[in-house]
Amino acid sequence: AGSFQDAGVIQHAYNLNFPLHVVPAGSAQCPARSTFSVSTPAVVLETAEDRPEALVVRLYEAHGSTVVAWLQTSLPVQEALLCDLLEQPVAQGHLPLEQQGVRLSFTPFRVLSVLLVLRQ
């Protein structure tokens, strides 16, 4: 019922196409954790790619809206930079690190790539 946004169609599609896989582990309890979070369901974190001392995170706006989203991570980020689709930092692309994380502005269906330089 309602719109595809209200029904959570995008999240359900990801759950269907990329199901969680159970891996046997020892008997010790492991706490649940999430390395990344995004403040709005309108923005999807598509991928995070490893680089030496950094990660490139690709996100997109999926609801056809203009929205501000906060990207949060438990990783020790030293610097955040906007990148082009070839993952090269763009001029004037420095993003300030704030208490809430990294502030990202999206227009409808916009794709953003963010280079997260990690502290050593």
C-alpha atoms as a PDB file:
ATOM      1  CA  ALA A   1       0.000   0.000   0.000  1.00  0.00           C
ATOM      2  CA  GLY A   2       1.174   3.542  -0.661  1.00  0.00           C
ATOM      3  CA  SER A   3       4.191   4.612  -2.678  1.00  0.00           C
ATOM      4  CA  PHE A   4       7.243   2.468  -3.384  1.00  0.00           C
ATOM      5  CA  GLN A   5       9.138   4.676  -0.934  1.00  0.00           C
ATOM      6  CA  ASP A   6       6.624   4.038   1.880  1.00  0.00           C
ATOM      7  CA  ALA A   7       6.599   0.293   1.147  1.00  0.00           C
ATOM      8  CA  GLY A   8      10.412   0.005   1.358  1.00  0.00           C
ATOM      9  CA  VAL A   9      10.643  -1.593  -2.082  1.00  0.00           C
ATOM     10  CA  ILE A  10      14.336  -0.751  -2.539  1.00  0.00           C
ATOM     11  CA  GLN A  11      15.376  -2.360   0.772  1.00  0.00           C
ATOM     12  CA  HIS A  12      13.225  -5.435   0.069  1.00  0.00           C
ATOM     13  CA  ALA A  13      14.808  -5.757  -3.390  1.00  0.00           C
ATOM     14  CA  TYR A  14      18.310  -5.651  -1.878  1.00  0.00           C
ATOM     15  CA  ASN A  15      17.282  -8.257   0.711  1.00  0.00           C
ATOM     16  CA  LEU A  16      15.991 -10.524  -2.076  1.00  0.00           C
ATOM     17  CA  ASN A  17      18.927 -10.082  -4.451  1.00  0.00           C
ATOM     18  CA  PHE A  18      21.696 -10.024  -1.828  1.00  0.00           C
ATOM     19  CA  PRO A  19      20.583 -12.334   0.981  1.00  0.00           C
ATOM     20  CA  LEU A  20      22.635 -12.692   4.138  1.00  0.00           C
ATOM     21  CA  HIS A  21      24.770 -15.825   4.263  1.00  0.00           C
ATOM     22  CA  VAL A  22      25.157 -17.727   7.497  1.00  0.00           C
ATOM     23  CA  VAL A  23      28.716 -18.743   8.314  1.00  0.00           C
ATOM     24  CA  PRO A  24      29.425 -21.215  11.107  1.00  0.00           C
ATOM     25  CA  ALA A  25      31.449 -19.658  13.899  1.00  0.00           C
ATOM     26  CA  GLY A  26      32.698 -20.598  17.323  1.00  0.00           C
ATOM     27  CA  SER A  27      30.411 -20.658  20.330  1.00  0.00           C
ATOM     28  CA  ALA A  28      31.440 -17.176  21.494  1.00  0.00           C
ATOM     29  CA  GLN A  29      28.775 -14.502  21.142  1.00  0.00           C
ATOM     30  CA  CYS A  30      29.687 -11.709  18.740  1.00  0.00           C
ATOM     31  CA  PRO A  31      28.049  -8.321  19.174  1.00  0.00           C
ATOM     32  CA  ALA A  32      26.132  -6.972  16.180  1.00  0.00           C
ATOM     33  CA  ARG A  33      27.715  -3.957  14.521  1.00  0.00           C
ATOM     34  CA  SER A  34      27.425  -1.871  11.425  1.00  0.00           C
ATOM     35  CA  THR A  35      30.434  -0.113   9.932  1.00  0.00           C
ATOM     36  CA  PHE A  36      28.311   2.453   8.053  1.00  0.00           C
ATOM     37  CA  SER A  37      24.923   4.069   8.448  1.00  0.00           C
ATOM     38  CA  VAL A  38      23.010   6.634   6.404  1.00  0.00           C
ATOM     39  CA  SER A  39      20.466   8.925   8.059  1.00  0.00           C
ATOM     40  CA  THR A  40      17.695   8.518   5.472  1.00  0.00           C
ATOM     41  CA  PRO A  41      16.254   5.541   3.573  1.00  0.00           C
ATOM     42  CA  ALA A  42      16.160   7.731   0.444  1.00  0.00           C
ATOM     43  CA  VAL A  43      19.944   7.314   0.135  1.00  0.00           C
ATOM     44  CA  VAL A  44      21.435   3.875  -0.536  1.00  0.00           C
ATOM     45  CA  LEU A  45      25.031   3.018   0.250  1.00  0.00           C
ATOM     46  CA  GLU A  46      25.797   0.872  -2.777  1.00  0.00           C
ATOM     47  CA  THR A  47      29.424  -0.129  -2.253  1.00  0.00           C
ATOM     48  CA  ALA A  48      32.570   0.511  -0.277  1.00  0.00           C
ATOM     49  CA  GLU A  49      35.830  -0.318  -2.019  1.00  0.00           C
ATOM     50  CA  ASP A  50      39.125  -0.889  -0.249  1.00  0.00           C
ATOM     51  CA  ARG A  51      42.219   1.106  -1.073  1.00  0.00           C
ATOM     52  CA  PRO A  52      45.497   1.357   0.805  1.00  0.00           C
ATOM     53  CA  GLU A  53      44.745   3.552   3.852  1.00  0.00           C
ATOM     54  CA  ALA A  54      41.341   4.593   2.426  1.00  0.00           C
ATOM     55  CA  LEU A  55      37.877   3.527   1.270  1.00  0.00           C
ATOM     56  CA  VAL A  56      35.721   4.773  -1.579  1.00  0.00           C
ATOM     57  CA  VAL A  57      32.039   4.758  -0.667  1.00  0.00           C
ATOM     58  CA  ARG A  58      29.416   5.106  -3.418  1.00  0.00           C
ATOM     59  CA  LEU A  59      25.903   6.275  -2.532  1.00  0.00           C
ATOM     60  CA  TYR A  60      22.843   7.258  -4.543  1.00  0.00           C
ATOM     61  CA  GLU A  61      19.502   8.955  -3.961  1.00  0.00           C
ATOM     62  CA  ALA A  62      16.813   6.367  -4.756  1.00  0.00           C
ATOM     63  CA  HIS A  63      13.469   8.061  -4.068  1.00  0.00           C
ATOM     64  CA  GLY A  64      13.573  10.872  -6.625  1.00  0.00           C
ATOM     65  CA  SER A  65      13.885  13.536  -3.935  1.00  0.00           C
ATOM     66  CA  THR A  66      16.222  16.323  -2.904  1.00  0.00           C
ATOM     67  CA  VAL A  67      17.630  15.354   0.475  1.00  0.00           C
ATOM     68  CA  VAL A  68      20.493  15.906   2.900  1.00  0.00           C
ATOM     69  CA  ALA A  69      21.924  12.706   4.351  1.00  0.00           C
ATOM     70  CA  TRP A  70      24.520  12.039   7.005  1.00  0.00           C
ATOM     71  CA  LEU A  71      27.018   9.258   6.373  1.00  0.00           C
ATOM     72  CA  GLN A  72      28.314   7.838   9.649  1.00  0.00           C
ATOM     73  CA  THR A  73      31.038   5.261  10.181  1.00  0.00           C
ATOM     74  CA  SER A  74      32.766   3.559  13.068  1.00  0.00           C
ATOM     75  CA  LEU A  75      36.058   3.659  11.131  1.00  0.00           C
ATOM     76  CA  PRO A  76      38.784   6.152  12.122  1.00  0.00           C
ATOM     77  CA  VAL A  77      38.298   8.688   9.301  1.00  0.00           C
ATOM     78  CA  GLN A  78      40.940  11.386   8.964  1.00  0.00           C
ATOM     79  CA  GLU A  79      39.569  13.131   5.853  1.00  0.00           C
ATOM     80  CA  ALA A  80      36.567  12.897   3.494  1.00  0.00           C
ATOM     81  CA  LEU A  81      36.666  14.003  -0.155  1.00  0.00           C
ATOM     82  CA  LEU A  82      34.134  13.934  -2.989  1.00  0.00           C
ATOM     83  CA  CYS A  83      35.315  11.933  -6.012  1.00  0.00           C
ATOM     84  CA  ASP A  84      34.269  11.627  -9.618  1.00  0.00           C
ATOM     85  CA  LEU A  85      33.008   8.292 -10.962  1.00  0.00           C
ATOM     86  CA  LEU A  86      36.610   7.309 -11.724  1.00  0.00           C
ATOM     87  CA  GLU A  87      37.264   7.724  -7.984  1.00  0.00           C
ATOM     88  CA  GLN A  88      39.583  10.708  -8.416  1.00  0.00           C
ATOM     89  CA  PRO A  89      39.125  13.539  -5.868  1.00  0.00           C
ATOM     90  CA  VAL A  90      37.379  16.586  -7.354  1.00  0.00           C
ATOM     91  CA  ALA A  91      38.464  20.200  -6.890  1.00  0.00           C
ATOM     92  CA  GLN A  92      36.710  21.859  -3.955  1.00  0.00           C
ATOM     93  CA  GLY A  93      35.579  18.388  -2.851  1.00  0.00           C
ATOM     94  CA  HIS A  94      36.713  18.479   0.786  1.00  0.00           C
ATOM     95  CA  LEU A  95      33.901  17.443   3.151  1.00  0.00           C
ATOM     96  CA  PRO A  96      34.085  18.498   6.803  1.00  0.00           C
ATOM     97  CA  LEU A  97      33.912  15.769   9.431  1.00  0.00           C
ATOM     98  CA  GLU A  98      31.197  16.649  11.925  1.00  0.00           C
ATOM     99  CA  GLN A  99      29.723  15.049  15.056  1.00  0.00           C
ATOM    100  CA  GLN A 100      26.864  13.574  12.952  1.00  0.00           C
ATOM    101  CA  GLY A 101      29.290  12.277  10.310  1.00  0.00           C
ATOM    102  CA  VAL A 102      29.750  13.562   6.767  1.00  0.00           C
ATOM    103  CA  ARG A 103      26.964  15.768   5.376  1.00  0.00           C
ATOM    104  CA  LEU A 104      25.970  14.916   1.790  1.00  0.00           C
ATOM    105  CA  SER A 105      23.447  16.753  -0.403  1.00  0.00           C
ATOM    106  CA  PHE A 106      21.534  14.803  -3.038  1.00  0.00           C
ATOM    107  CA  THR A 107      19.286  15.792  -5.907  1.00  0.00           C
ATOM    108  CA  PRO A 108      16.961  13.158  -7.437  1.00  0.00           C
ATOM    109  CA  PHE A 109      18.862   9.969  -8.375  1.00  0.00           C
ATOM    110  CA  ARG A 110      22.270  11.609  -7.894  1.00  0.00           C
ATOM    111  CA  VAL A 111      25.285   9.329  -7.402  1.00  0.00           C
ATOM    112  CA  LEU A 112      28.082  10.459  -5.065  1.00  0.00           C
ATOM    113  CA  SER A 113      31.458   8.845  -4.473  1.00  0.00           C
ATOM    114  CA  VAL A 114      33.277   9.734  -1.260  1.00  0.00           C
ATOM    115  CA  LEU A 115      36.922   8.965  -0.526  1.00  0.00           C
ATOM    116  CA  LEU A 116      37.432   8.294   3.191  1.00  0.00           C
ATOM    117  CA  VAL A 117      41.088   8.577   4.189  1.00  0.00           C
ATOM    118  CA  LEU A 118      41.700   6.531   7.340  1.00  0.00           C
ATOM    119  CA  ARG A 119      43.983   7.368  10.281  1.00  0.00           C
ATOM    120  CA  GLN A 120      46.895   4.996  10.711  1.00  0.00           C
END
